[in-house]
Amino acid sequence: MDDILQNQIEDYVAGLMPENTKLEFERQLKNDLYLQQQVEDLKRVREAVLRAKVRANVANARIYIHKPKRGLTYVLGSFSAAAAIVLFLLSTSITFSPKKFNYRGDGIALSSETQIRANDYEKATRLVEEGENPTEAIKILERLKADENVSKNYQNEAKWMLVVAYLETGEAKKAEKIFDEVKWEDTGRPFSTWEITKIHWQIFWGKIF
């Protein structure tokens, strides 16, 4: 890989690429599997580095907590340590609710088109939950959320999955846009209140870095 392409990948992942260059890069990315893999690999490395920094802060905070200190310094240090632990927990992977959205229904015969949608939805959900190929999941979910032939609950569910998929690919702004559309919808929400708080934080964190 030449240095120019490597710099483009780094700028794209870091969100520093100019908009006109970004559009051209994304067109190239769409049809280049090797380039897609390079982008995904760099995103994983970047995320691992960020998480490692948070873990290091948590480790230092825990050491500080156990030091025999008293007075205001001890109180402030304990507060900082607790805050670091909370930030670490907020940065962990999103956990899905055990309650699953059942698009197939109970004992209802599905049309062939509905069967295909259900299969696609389940495939995308599995990819998002396992973090295997969020880019592929995004393609499926973007199509499903715009499908006028499905219920609003189903479209909302696809949007919730999209939020997490975009966070997994490091696209916090896109995650925020979808999240703003669906965050007030209670129907079919696949996350607990704590997990939604984590989504809020990871969108904020992702936009900064």
N, C-alpha and C. Protein backbone atom coordinates (compact mmCIF):
# COMPACT_ATOMS: atom_id res chain seq x y z
N MET A 1 0.85 -1.20 0.00
CA MET A 1 0.00 0.00 0.00
C MET A 1 0.89 1.25 0.00
N ASP A 2 0.60 2.23 -0.90
CA ASP A 2 1.42 3.43 -0.94
C ASP A 2 1.05 4.38 0.20
N ASP A 3 1.95 5.33 0.44
CA ASP A 3 1.78 6.25 1.57
C ASP A 3 0.55 7.13 1.41
N ILE A 4 0.24 7.51 0.17
CA ILE A 4 -0.92 8.39 -0.06
C ILE A 4 -2.21 7.70 0.35
N LEU A 5 -2.35 6.44 -0.07
CA LEU A 5 -3.56 5.70 0.28
C LEU A 5 -3.62 5.46 1.78
N GLN A 6 -2.49 5.16 2.40
CA GLN A 6 -2.46 4.94 3.85
C GLN A 6 -2.89 6.21 4.59
N ASN A 7 -2.40 7.35 4.12
CA ASN A 7 -2.80 8.62 4.74
C ASN A 7 -4.28 8.90 4.56
N GLN A 8 -4.82 8.53 3.39
CA GLN A 8 -6.25 8.72 3.15
C GLN A 8 -7.08 7.86 4.10
N ILE A 9 -6.66 6.62 4.29
CA ILE A 9 -7.37 5.73 5.20
C ILE A 9 -7.34 6.28 6.62
N GLU A 10 -6.18 6.75 7.05
CA GLU A 10 -6.05 7.30 8.40
C GLU A 10 -6.92 8.55 8.58
N ASP A 11 -6.93 9.42 7.57
CA ASP A 11 -7.76 10.63 7.65
C ASP A 11 -9.24 10.27 7.67
N TYR A 12 -9.62 9.28 6.88
CA TYR A 12 -11.03 8.87 6.81
C TYR A 12 -11.50 8.31 8.15
N VAL A 13 -10.73 7.42 8.73
CA VAL A 13 -11.09 6.80 10.00
C VAL A 13 -11.12 7.83 11.12
N ALA A 14 -10.20 8.79 11.07
CA ALA A 14 -10.13 9.81 12.12
C ALA A 14 -11.15 10.92 11.92
N GLY A 15 -11.88 10.90 10.78
CA GLY A 15 -12.88 11.93 10.52
C GLY A 15 -12.27 13.25 10.08
N LEU A 16 -11.04 13.22 9.54
CA LEU A 16 -10.34 14.44 9.15
C LEU A 16 -10.36 14.68 7.64
N MET A 17 -10.95 13.76 6.89
CA MET A 17 -10.93 13.87 5.44
C MET A 17 -11.93 14.94 4.97
N PRO A 18 -11.50 15.85 4.09
CA PRO A 18 -12.41 16.86 3.55
C PRO A 18 -13.61 16.22 2.86
N GLU A 19 -14.75 16.91 2.86
CA GLU A 19 -15.99 16.31 2.39
C GLU A 19 -15.91 15.90 0.92
N ASN A 20 -15.32 16.73 0.07
CA ASN A 20 -15.24 16.37 -1.35
C ASN A 20 -14.36 15.16 -1.56
N THR A 21 -13.26 15.07 -0.83
CA THR A 21 -12.38 13.91 -0.92
C THR A 21 -13.06 12.68 -0.33
N LYS A 22 -13.82 12.89 0.73
CA LYS A 22 -14.50 11.78 1.41
C LYS A 22 -15.50 11.11 0.49
N LEU A 23 -16.25 11.89 -0.28
CA LEU A 23 -17.25 11.32 -1.18
C LEU A 23 -16.59 10.42 -2.23
N GLU A 24 -15.49 10.89 -2.78
CA GLU A 24 -14.77 10.10 -3.77
C GLU A 24 -14.17 8.85 -3.13
N PHE A 25 -13.63 9.00 -1.93
CA PHE A 25 -13.04 7.87 -1.22
C PHE A 25 -14.10 6.81 -0.92
N GLU A 26 -15.29 7.24 -0.50
CA GLU A 26 -16.36 6.29 -0.18
C GLU A 26 -16.88 5.58 -1.42
N ARG A 27 -16.85 6.26 -2.57
CA ARG A 27 -17.22 5.58 -3.82
C ARG A 27 -16.21 4.48 -4.13
N GLN A 28 -14.93 4.80 -3.93
CA GLN A 28 -13.89 3.79 -4.15
C GLN A 28 -14.02 2.66 -3.13
N LEU A 29 -14.32 3.03 -1.89
CA LEU A 29 -14.45 2.05 -0.80
C LEU A 29 -15.57 1.05 -1.07
N LYS A 30 -16.64 1.53 -1.67
CA LYS A 30 -17.82 0.70 -1.92
C LYS A 30 -17.50 -0.50 -2.80
N ASN A 31 -16.56 -0.34 -3.72
CA ASN A 31 -16.27 -1.38 -4.70
C ASN A 31 -14.92 -2.05 -4.51
N ASP A 32 -14.25 -1.75 -3.41
CA ASP A 32 -12.89 -2.28 -3.19
C ASP A 32 -12.87 -3.04 -1.86
N LEU A 33 -12.95 -4.36 -1.93
CA LEU A 33 -13.00 -5.18 -0.72
C LEU A 33 -11.71 -5.07 0.09
N TYR A 34 -10.58 -4.97 -0.61
CA TYR A 34 -9.30 -4.84 0.09
C TYR A 34 -9.26 -3.53 0.88
N LEU A 35 -9.72 -2.46 0.26
CA LEU A 35 -9.74 -1.16 0.93
C LEU A 35 -10.70 -1.19 2.12
N GLN A 36 -11.85 -1.85 1.95
CA GLN A 36 -12.80 -1.99 3.06
C GLN A 36 -12.15 -2.67 4.25
N GLN A 37 -11.37 -3.71 3.97
CA GLN A 37 -10.70 -4.46 5.04
C GLN A 37 -9.67 -3.60 5.75
N GLN A 38 -8.92 -2.78 4.97
CA GLN A 38 -7.92 -1.91 5.57
C GLN A 38 -8.57 -0.87 6.49
N VAL A 39 -9.71 -0.35 6.06
CA VAL A 39 -10.43 0.63 6.88
C VAL A 39 -10.93 -0.02 8.16
N GLU A 40 -11.52 -1.22 8.04
CA GLU A 40 -12.04 -1.92 9.21
C GLU A 40 -10.91 -2.26 10.18
N ASP A 41 -9.76 -2.69 9.64
CA ASP A 41 -8.63 -3.04 10.51
C ASP A 41 -8.14 -1.82 11.29
N LEU A 42 -8.05 -0.69 10.61
CA LEU A 42 -7.57 0.52 11.29
C LEU A 42 -8.57 0.98 12.35
N LYS A 43 -9.86 0.85 12.06
CA LYS A 43 -10.89 1.21 13.04
C LYS A 43 -10.75 0.36 14.29
N ARG A 44 -10.51 -0.94 14.09
CA ARG A 44 -10.35 -1.84 15.25
C ARG A 44 -9.12 -1.47 16.07
N VAL A 45 -8.02 -1.16 15.38
CA VAL A 45 -6.79 -0.76 16.09
C VAL A 45 -7.03 0.52 16.87
N ARG A 46 -7.68 1.49 16.23
CA ARG A 46 -7.96 2.77 16.88
C ARG A 46 -8.83 2.59 18.11
N GLU A 47 -9.85 1.76 17.98
CA GLU A 47 -10.73 1.51 19.11
C GLU A 47 -9.98 0.80 20.23
N ALA A 48 -9.12 -0.15 19.86
CA ALA A 48 -8.35 -0.89 20.87
C ALA A 48 -7.42 0.04 21.63
N VAL A 49 -6.81 1.00 20.93
CA VAL A 49 -5.92 1.96 21.59
C VAL A 49 -6.69 2.82 22.57
N LEU A 50 -7.86 3.30 22.13
CA LEU A 50 -8.68 4.14 23.01
C LEU A 50 -9.12 3.37 24.25
N ARG A 51 -9.54 2.12 24.03
CA ARG A 51 -9.97 1.31 25.18
C ARG A 51 -8.81 1.00 26.11
N ALA A 52 -7.62 0.81 25.52
CA ALA A 52 -6.44 0.53 26.35
C ALA A 52 -6.13 1.73 27.24
N LYS A 53 -6.29 2.94 26.71
CA LYS A 53 -6.06 4.14 27.50
C LYS A 53 -7.04 4.22 28.67
N VAL A 54 -8.31 3.90 28.36
CA VAL A 54 -9.32 3.92 29.42
C VAL A 54 -9.00 2.87 30.49
N ARG A 55 -8.61 1.67 30.05
CA ARG A 55 -8.28 0.60 31.01
C ARG A 55 -7.10 1.01 31.88
N ALA A 56 -6.11 1.68 31.27
CA ALA A 56 -4.95 2.13 32.04
C ALA A 56 -5.37 3.14 33.09
N ASN A 57 -6.28 4.04 32.72
CA ASN A 57 -6.77 5.02 33.70
C ASN A 57 -7.51 4.34 34.84
N VAL A 58 -8.30 3.31 34.48
CA VAL A 58 -9.04 2.57 35.51
C VAL A 58 -8.07 1.87 36.46
N ALA A 59 -7.03 1.24 35.88
CA ALA A 59 -6.05 0.53 36.71
C ALA A 59 -5.35 1.50 37.66
N ASN A 60 -4.96 2.66 37.15
CA ASN A 60 -4.32 3.66 38.00
C ASN A 60 -5.27 4.17 39.08
N ALA A 61 -6.54 4.30 38.70
CA ALA A 61 -7.54 4.77 39.66
C ALA A 61 -7.71 3.78 40.79
N ARG A 62 -7.74 2.49 40.45
CA ARG A 62 -7.90 1.46 41.48
C ARG A 62 -6.71 1.45 42.45
N ILE A 63 -5.51 1.65 41.90
CA ILE A 63 -4.32 1.72 42.76
C ILE A 63 -4.43 2.90 43.70
N TYR A 64 -4.91 4.03 43.15
CA TYR A 64 -5.03 5.24 43.95
C TYR A 64 -6.03 5.06 45.08
N ILE A 65 -7.13 4.36 44.78
CA ILE A 65 -8.17 4.14 45.79
C ILE A 65 -7.60 3.44 47.02
N HIS A 66 -6.71 2.48 46.79
CA HIS A 66 -6.20 1.66 47.88
C HIS A 66 -5.02 2.29 48.62
N LYS A 67 -4.60 3.47 48.18
CA LYS A 67 -3.53 4.15 48.91
C LYS A 67 -4.09 4.73 50.22
N PRO A 68 -3.33 4.66 51.30
CA PRO A 68 -3.81 5.15 52.60
C PRO A 68 -3.80 6.68 52.67
N LYS A 69 -4.78 7.31 52.01
CA LYS A 69 -4.87 8.77 52.02
C LYS A 69 -6.13 9.20 52.77
N ARG A 70 -6.09 10.41 53.27
CA ARG A 70 -7.23 10.94 54.01
C ARG A 70 -7.46 12.39 53.59
N GLY A 71 -8.55 12.93 54.06
CA GLY A 71 -8.84 14.34 53.81
C GLY A 71 -9.36 14.59 52.42
N LEU A 72 -9.32 15.87 52.01
CA LEU A 72 -9.89 16.29 50.74
C LEU A 72 -9.20 15.63 49.56
N THR A 73 -7.88 15.47 49.65
CA THR A 73 -7.15 14.83 48.55
C THR A 73 -7.66 13.43 48.31
N TYR A 74 -7.91 12.69 49.39
CA TYR A 74 -8.41 11.32 49.27
C TYR A 74 -9.81 11.31 48.64
N VAL A 75 -10.65 12.24 49.10
CA VAL A 75 -12.03 12.30 48.59
C VAL A 75 -12.03 12.59 47.09
N LEU A 76 -11.23 13.61 46.70
CA LEU A 76 -11.19 13.97 45.29
C LEU A 76 -10.59 12.84 44.45
N GLY A 77 -9.56 12.18 45.01
CA GLY A 77 -8.96 11.06 44.29
C GLY A 77 -9.94 9.92 44.11
N SER A 78 -10.72 9.62 45.14
CA SER A 78 -11.71 8.55 45.06
C SER A 78 -12.79 8.88 44.03
N PHE A 79 -13.18 10.16 44.01
CA PHE A 79 -14.17 10.59 43.04
C PHE A 79 -13.65 10.41 41.62
N SER A 80 -12.40 10.80 41.39
CA SER A 80 -11.79 10.66 40.06
C SER A 80 -11.70 9.19 39.66
N ALA A 81 -11.37 8.34 40.62
CA ALA A 81 -11.26 6.92 40.35
C ALA A 81 -12.61 6.34 39.97
N ALA A 82 -13.65 6.72 40.73
CA ALA A 82 -15.00 6.23 40.43
C ALA A 82 -15.44 6.70 39.05
N ALA A 83 -15.11 7.96 38.72
CA ALA A 83 -15.48 8.50 37.41
C ALA A 83 -14.78 7.73 36.29
N ALA A 84 -13.51 7.38 36.51
CA ALA A 84 -12.76 6.63 35.49
C ALA A 84 -13.38 5.26 35.27
N ILE A 85 -13.82 4.61 36.34
CA ILE A 85 -14.44 3.30 36.21
C ILE A 85 -15.75 3.40 35.45
N VAL A 86 -16.54 4.43 35.75
CA VAL A 86 -17.81 4.63 35.05
C VAL A 86 -17.56 4.86 33.56
N LEU A 87 -16.55 5.68 33.23
CA LEU A 87 -16.23 5.95 31.84
C LEU A 87 -15.79 4.68 31.12
N PHE A 88 -15.06 3.84 31.83
CA PHE A 88 -14.65 2.56 31.24
C PHE A 88 -15.86 1.70 30.92
N LEU A 89 -16.79 1.61 31.87
CA LEU A 89 -18.00 0.81 31.66
C LEU A 89 -18.84 1.36 30.52
N LEU A 90 -18.89 2.67 30.40
CA LEU A 90 -19.65 3.29 29.31
C LEU A 90 -19.03 2.99 27.95
N SER A 91 -17.73 2.68 27.94
CA SER A 91 -17.03 2.44 26.69
C SER A 91 -17.06 0.98 26.25
N THR A 92 -17.63 0.11 27.08
CA THR A 92 -17.69 -1.30 26.71
C THR A 92 -18.75 -1.53 25.64
N SER A 93 -18.74 -2.71 25.04
CA SER A 93 -19.67 -3.03 23.95
C SER A 93 -21.12 -2.96 24.42
N ILE A 94 -21.99 -2.58 23.48
CA ILE A 94 -23.42 -2.50 23.77
C ILE A 94 -23.97 -3.91 23.95
N THR A 95 -24.73 -4.12 25.02
CA THR A 95 -25.36 -5.43 25.28
C THR A 95 -26.83 -5.37 24.93
N PHE A 96 -27.28 -6.31 24.16
CA PHE A 96 -28.67 -6.32 23.72
C PHE A 96 -29.56 -6.94 24.79
N SER A 97 -30.80 -6.49 24.82
CA SER A 97 -31.79 -7.06 25.73
C SER A 97 -32.09 -8.50 25.32
N PRO A 98 -32.33 -9.39 26.30
CA PRO A 98 -32.68 -10.77 25.94
C PRO A 98 -34.02 -10.88 25.23
N LYS A 99 -34.84 -9.83 25.33
CA LYS A 99 -36.13 -9.83 24.64
C LYS A 99 -35.91 -9.51 23.17
N LYS A 100 -36.23 -10.44 22.30
CA LYS A 100 -35.98 -10.29 20.88
C LYS A 100 -37.24 -9.80 20.15
N PHE A 101 -37.01 -9.03 19.10
CA PHE A 101 -38.11 -8.58 18.25
C PHE A 101 -38.49 -9.74 17.33
N ASN A 102 -39.77 -10.11 17.34
CA ASN A 102 -40.23 -11.25 16.56
C ASN A 102 -41.02 -10.78 15.35
N TYR A 103 -40.33 -10.62 14.24
CA TYR A 103 -41.01 -10.17 13.03
C TYR A 103 -41.79 -11.30 12.39
N ARG A 104 -41.42 -12.53 12.67
CA ARG A 104 -42.10 -13.67 12.05
C ARG A 104 -43.49 -13.91 12.62
N GLY A 105 -43.73 -13.42 13.85
CA GLY A 105 -45.02 -13.68 14.47
C GLY A 105 -45.07 -15.07 15.06
N ASP A 106 -46.19 -15.43 15.63
CA ASP A 106 -46.36 -16.74 16.26
C ASP A 106 -47.29 -17.62 15.44
N GLY A 107 -46.67 -18.55 14.75
CA GLY A 107 -47.47 -19.50 13.98
C GLY A 107 -48.18 -18.89 12.79
N ILE A 108 -47.70 -17.76 12.28
CA ILE A 108 -48.34 -17.10 11.15
C ILE A 108 -47.56 -17.42 9.88
N ALA A 109 -48.28 -17.82 8.84
CA ALA A 109 -47.64 -18.11 7.57
C ALA A 109 -47.19 -16.81 6.92
N LEU A 110 -45.95 -16.75 6.52
CA LEU A 110 -45.40 -15.53 5.94
C LEU A 110 -45.35 -15.62 4.42
N SER A 111 -45.56 -14.48 3.77
CA SER A 111 -45.38 -14.43 2.32
C SER A 111 -43.90 -14.57 2.02
N SER A 112 -43.58 -14.85 0.77
CA SER A 112 -42.17 -15.04 0.39
C SER A 112 -41.37 -13.75 0.63
N GLU A 113 -41.98 -12.57 0.33
CA GLU A 113 -41.28 -11.31 0.53
C GLU A 113 -41.03 -11.04 2.02
N THR A 114 -42.04 -11.34 2.84
CA THR A 114 -41.89 -11.15 4.27
C THR A 114 -40.85 -12.10 4.84
N GLN A 115 -40.81 -13.31 4.31
CA GLN A 115 -39.82 -14.29 4.74
C GLN A 115 -38.40 -13.79 4.46
N ILE A 116 -38.21 -13.18 3.28
CA ILE A 116 -36.90 -12.65 2.91
C ILE A 116 -36.51 -11.52 3.86
N ARG A 117 -37.47 -10.63 4.16
CA ARG A 117 -37.18 -9.52 5.08
C ARG A 117 -36.79 -10.04 6.46
N ALA A 118 -37.53 -11.05 6.93
CA ALA A 118 -37.23 -11.63 8.24
C ALA A 118 -35.83 -12.24 8.27
N ASN A 119 -35.49 -12.95 7.20
CA ASN A 119 -34.16 -13.56 7.12
C ASN A 119 -33.07 -12.49 7.12
N ASP A 120 -33.30 -11.42 6.35
CA ASP A 120 -32.32 -10.33 6.28
C ASP A 120 -32.16 -9.66 7.64
N TYR A 121 -33.29 -9.40 8.29
CA TYR A 121 -33.24 -8.75 9.60
C TYR A 121 -32.47 -9.59 10.60
N GLU A 122 -32.74 -10.88 10.63
CA GLU A 122 -32.06 -11.77 11.57
C GLU A 122 -30.57 -11.86 11.27
N LYS A 123 -30.22 -11.85 9.98
CA LYS A 123 -28.80 -11.88 9.60
C LYS A 123 -28.11 -10.60 10.07
N ALA A 124 -28.74 -9.45 9.81
CA ALA A 124 -28.14 -8.17 10.20
C ALA A 124 -28.00 -8.08 11.71
N THR A 125 -29.02 -8.52 12.44
CA THR A 125 -28.97 -8.49 13.90
C THR A 125 -27.81 -9.33 14.42
N ARG A 126 -27.64 -10.52 13.85
CA ARG A 126 -26.55 -11.39 14.27
C ARG A 126 -25.18 -10.74 14.01
N LEU A 127 -25.04 -10.10 12.85
CA LEU A 127 -23.77 -9.45 12.51
C LEU A 127 -23.47 -8.31 13.47
N VAL A 128 -24.50 -7.55 13.86
CA VAL A 128 -24.31 -6.43 14.78
C VAL A 128 -23.97 -6.94 16.18
N GLU A 129 -24.73 -7.92 16.65
CA GLU A 129 -24.51 -8.44 18.00
C GLU A 129 -23.13 -9.06 18.15
N GLU A 130 -22.67 -9.76 17.11
CA GLU A 130 -21.38 -10.42 17.18
C GLU A 130 -20.23 -9.51 16.74
N GLY A 131 -20.56 -8.36 16.15
CA GLY A 131 -19.54 -7.43 15.68
C GLY A 131 -18.68 -7.99 14.57
N GLU A 132 -19.21 -8.93 13.81
CA GLU A 132 -18.42 -9.61 12.79
C GLU A 132 -18.24 -8.75 11.53
N ASN A 133 -19.35 -8.25 11.01
CA ASN A 133 -19.29 -7.49 9.75
C ASN A 133 -20.35 -6.40 9.79
N PRO A 134 -20.13 -5.35 10.61
CA PRO A 134 -21.14 -4.30 10.73
C PRO A 134 -21.41 -3.57 9.42
N THR A 135 -20.40 -3.53 8.53
CA THR A 135 -20.60 -2.86 7.24
C THR A 135 -21.68 -3.56 6.42
N GLU A 136 -21.65 -4.87 6.41
CA GLU A 136 -22.68 -5.66 5.72
C GLU A 136 -24.04 -5.48 6.39
N ALA A 137 -24.02 -5.45 7.73
CA ALA A 137 -25.27 -5.24 8.47
C ALA A 137 -25.89 -3.89 8.13
N ILE A 138 -25.06 -2.86 7.99
CA ILE A 138 -25.55 -1.52 7.65
C ILE A 138 -26.27 -1.53 6.31
N LYS A 139 -25.70 -2.20 5.33
CA LYS A 139 -26.33 -2.27 4.01
C LYS A 139 -27.73 -2.88 4.11
N ILE A 140 -27.86 -3.95 4.88
CA ILE A 140 -29.15 -4.61 5.04
C ILE A 140 -30.13 -3.73 5.80
N LEU A 141 -29.68 -3.16 6.91
CA LEU A 141 -30.57 -2.39 7.77
C LEU A 141 -31.01 -1.09 7.13
N GLU A 142 -30.14 -0.44 6.36
CA GLU A 142 -30.54 0.78 5.65
C GLU A 142 -31.67 0.47 4.67
N ARG A 143 -31.59 -0.67 4.03
CA ARG A 143 -32.64 -1.07 3.10
C ARG A 143 -33.94 -1.39 3.84
N LEU A 144 -33.84 -2.06 4.97
CA LEU A 144 -35.04 -2.45 5.71
C LEU A 144 -35.74 -1.26 6.34
N LYS A 145 -34.99 -0.31 6.86
CA LYS A 145 -35.63 0.82 7.55
C LYS A 145 -36.38 1.72 6.58
N ALA A 146 -36.01 1.65 5.30
CA ALA A 146 -36.67 2.47 4.30
C ALA A 146 -37.78 1.71 3.56
N ASP A 147 -38.00 0.47 3.94
CA ASP A 147 -39.00 -0.36 3.27
C ASP A 147 -40.40 0.06 3.71
N GLU A 148 -41.19 0.55 2.79
CA GLU A 148 -42.53 1.04 3.11
C GLU A 148 -43.53 -0.09 3.34
N ASN A 149 -43.13 -1.30 3.05
CA ASN A 149 -44.05 -2.43 3.17
C ASN A 149 -43.97 -3.14 4.52
N VAL A 150 -43.26 -2.57 5.45
CA VAL A 150 -43.15 -3.18 6.78
C VAL A 150 -43.70 -2.21 7.82
N SER A 151 -43.99 -2.73 9.00
CA SER A 151 -44.58 -1.92 10.06
C SER A 151 -43.57 -0.92 10.62
N LYS A 152 -44.09 0.10 11.29
CA LYS A 152 -43.23 1.11 11.89
C LYS A 152 -42.36 0.50 12.99
N ASN A 153 -42.95 -0.44 13.76
CA ASN A 153 -42.16 -1.11 14.81
C ASN A 153 -40.94 -1.79 14.20
N TYR A 154 -41.14 -2.44 13.07
CA TYR A 154 -40.06 -3.16 12.40
C TYR A 154 -39.00 -2.17 11.90
N GLN A 155 -39.45 -1.04 11.32
CA GLN A 155 -38.51 -0.04 10.85
C GLN A 155 -37.71 0.55 12.02
N ASN A 156 -38.39 0.80 13.14
CA ASN A 156 -37.70 1.34 14.32
C ASN A 156 -36.65 0.37 14.83
N GLU A 157 -37.00 -0.92 14.83
CA GLU A 157 -36.05 -1.92 15.28
C GLU A 157 -34.79 -1.92 14.42
N ALA A 158 -35.00 -1.80 13.10
CA ALA A 158 -33.86 -1.75 12.19
C ALA A 158 -33.01 -0.51 12.46
N LYS A 159 -33.65 0.61 12.81
CA LYS A 159 -32.90 1.84 13.12
C LYS A 159 -32.05 1.66 14.38
N TRP A 160 -32.62 1.02 15.41
CA TRP A 160 -31.84 0.78 16.63
C TRP A 160 -30.60 -0.04 16.32
N MET A 161 -30.76 -1.05 15.50
CA MET A 161 -29.61 -1.87 15.12
C MET A 161 -28.59 -1.05 14.33
N LEU A 162 -29.09 -0.14 13.50
CA LEU A 162 -28.20 0.71 12.71
C LEU A 162 -27.34 1.59 13.60
N VAL A 163 -27.92 2.11 14.68
CA VAL A 163 -27.16 2.96 15.59
C VAL A 163 -25.92 2.22 16.08
N VAL A 164 -26.10 0.99 16.52
CA VAL A 164 -24.98 0.21 17.06
C VAL A 164 -24.01 -0.16 15.94
N ALA A 165 -24.53 -0.51 14.77
CA ALA A 165 -23.67 -0.88 13.65
C ALA A 165 -22.77 0.29 13.25
N TYR A 166 -23.34 1.50 13.23
CA TYR A 166 -22.53 2.68 12.89
C TYR A 166 -21.48 2.96 13.97
N LEU A 167 -21.83 2.73 15.23
CA LEU A 167 -20.83 2.89 16.29
C LEU A 167 -19.70 1.88 16.12
N GLU A 168 -20.06 0.67 15.70
CA GLU A 168 -19.04 -0.36 15.51
C GLU A 168 -18.09 -0.02 14.37
N THR A 169 -18.57 0.75 13.39
CA THR A 169 -17.70 1.14 12.27
C THR A 169 -17.06 2.50 12.51
N GLY A 170 -17.29 3.08 13.70
CA GLY A 170 -16.67 4.35 14.04
C GLY A 170 -17.34 5.57 13.40
N GLU A 171 -18.58 5.39 12.92
CA GLU A 171 -19.29 6.50 12.26
C GLU A 171 -20.28 7.11 13.25
N ALA A 172 -19.75 7.85 14.20
CA ALA A 172 -20.57 8.38 15.30
C ALA A 172 -21.62 9.38 14.82
N LYS A 173 -21.29 10.19 13.84
CA LYS A 173 -22.25 11.18 13.36
C LYS A 173 -23.46 10.51 12.70
N LYS A 174 -23.21 9.46 11.94
CA LYS A 174 -24.32 8.73 11.33
C LYS A 174 -25.15 8.02 12.41
N ALA A 175 -24.46 7.49 13.42
CA ALA A 175 -25.16 6.85 14.54
C ALA A 175 -26.06 7.87 15.24
N GLU A 176 -25.53 9.07 15.43
CA GLU A 176 -26.29 10.12 16.12
C GLU A 176 -27.53 10.50 15.31
N LYS A 177 -27.40 10.60 14.00
CA LYS A 177 -28.53 10.98 13.16
C LYS A 177 -29.67 9.97 13.29
N ILE A 178 -29.35 8.69 13.22
CA ILE A 178 -30.37 7.65 13.35
C ILE A 178 -30.91 7.63 14.77
N PHE A 179 -30.03 7.78 15.75
CA PHE A 179 -30.44 7.76 17.16
C PHE A 179 -31.43 8.88 17.45
N ASP A 180 -31.21 10.06 16.87
CA ASP A 180 -32.12 11.18 17.08
C ASP A 180 -33.50 10.89 16.49
N GLU A 181 -33.55 10.04 15.46
CA GLU A 181 -34.83 9.70 14.85
C GLU A 181 -35.64 8.74 15.71
N VAL A 182 -34.95 7.89 16.45
CA VAL A 182 -35.63 6.75 17.06
C VAL A 182 -35.59 6.74 18.59
N LYS A 183 -34.84 7.63 19.23
CA LYS A 183 -34.61 7.51 20.67
C LYS A 183 -35.87 7.69 21.51
N TRP A 184 -36.87 8.37 20.97
CA TRP A 184 -38.10 8.56 21.73
C TRP A 184 -39.11 7.45 21.47
N GLU A 185 -38.77 6.51 20.61
CA GLU A 185 -39.68 5.41 20.29
C GLU A 185 -39.47 4.27 21.28
N ASP A 186 -40.48 3.96 22.07
CA ASP A 186 -40.36 2.90 23.08
C ASP A 186 -40.67 1.52 22.51
N THR A 187 -41.39 1.46 21.40
CA THR A 187 -41.82 0.18 20.87
C THR A 187 -40.65 -0.63 20.33
N GLY A 188 -40.49 -1.83 20.83
CA GLY A 188 -39.47 -2.72 20.31
C GLY A 188 -38.05 -2.37 20.69
N ARG A 189 -37.87 -1.41 21.62
CA ARG A 189 -36.51 -1.00 21.97
C ARG A 189 -35.71 -2.19 22.51
N PRO A 190 -34.57 -2.52 21.88
CA PRO A 190 -33.81 -3.72 22.26
C PRO A 190 -32.75 -3.48 23.33
N PHE A 191 -32.79 -2.31 24.00
CA PHE A 191 -31.75 -1.98 24.96
C PHE A 191 -32.33 -1.51 26.28
N SER A 192 -31.59 -1.77 27.34
CA SER A 192 -31.98 -1.27 28.66
C SER A 192 -31.62 0.22 28.76
N THR A 193 -32.08 0.86 29.83
CA THR A 193 -31.76 2.28 30.04
C THR A 193 -30.25 2.48 30.14
N TRP A 194 -29.56 1.57 30.82
CA TRP A 194 -28.10 1.68 30.95
C TRP A 194 -27.42 1.58 29.59
N GLU A 195 -27.88 0.67 28.75
CA GLU A 195 -27.26 0.52 27.43
C GLU A 195 -27.52 1.75 26.57
N ILE A 196 -28.69 2.37 26.72
CA ILE A 196 -28.98 3.59 25.96
C ILE A 196 -28.06 4.72 26.44
N THR A 197 -27.78 4.75 27.74
CA THR A 197 -26.81 5.73 28.27
C THR A 197 -25.44 5.49 27.64
N LYS A 198 -25.05 4.23 27.49
CA LYS A 198 -23.78 3.90 26.84
C LYS A 198 -23.77 4.37 25.39
N ILE A 199 -24.90 4.23 24.71
CA ILE A 199 -25.00 4.69 23.32
C ILE A 199 -24.79 6.20 23.26
N HIS A 200 -25.45 6.94 24.18
CA HIS A 200 -25.26 8.38 24.26
C HIS A 200 -23.77 8.72 24.40
N TRP A 201 -23.12 8.06 25.34
CA TRP A 201 -21.71 8.35 25.62
C TRP A 201 -20.82 8.00 24.43
N GLN A 202 -21.05 6.84 23.81
CA GLN A 202 -20.18 6.41 22.72
C GLN A 202 -20.36 7.28 21.50
N ILE A 203 -21.55 7.82 21.29
CA ILE A 203 -21.74 8.78 20.20
C ILE A 203 -20.93 10.05 20.50
N PHE A 204 -21.04 10.54 21.73
CA PHE A 204 -20.29 11.73 22.15
C PHE A 204 -18.78 11.50 22.00
N TRP A 205 -18.31 10.38 22.52
CA TRP A 205 -16.88 10.04 22.46
C TRP A 205 -16.41 9.90 21.02
N GLY A 206 -17.22 9.23 20.21
CA GLY A 206 -16.85 9.01 18.82
C GLY A 206 -16.76 10.29 18.02
N LYS A 207 -17.61 11.28 18.34
CA LYS A 207 -17.58 12.56 17.62
C LYS A 207 -16.33 13.36 17.97
N ILE A 208 -15.82 13.16 19.18
CA ILE A 208 -14.62 13.88 19.60
C ILE A 208 -13.37 13.28 18.93
N PHE A 209 -13.34 11.95 18.91
CA PHE A 209 -12.14 11.28 18.39
C PHE A 209 -12.37 10.71 17.00
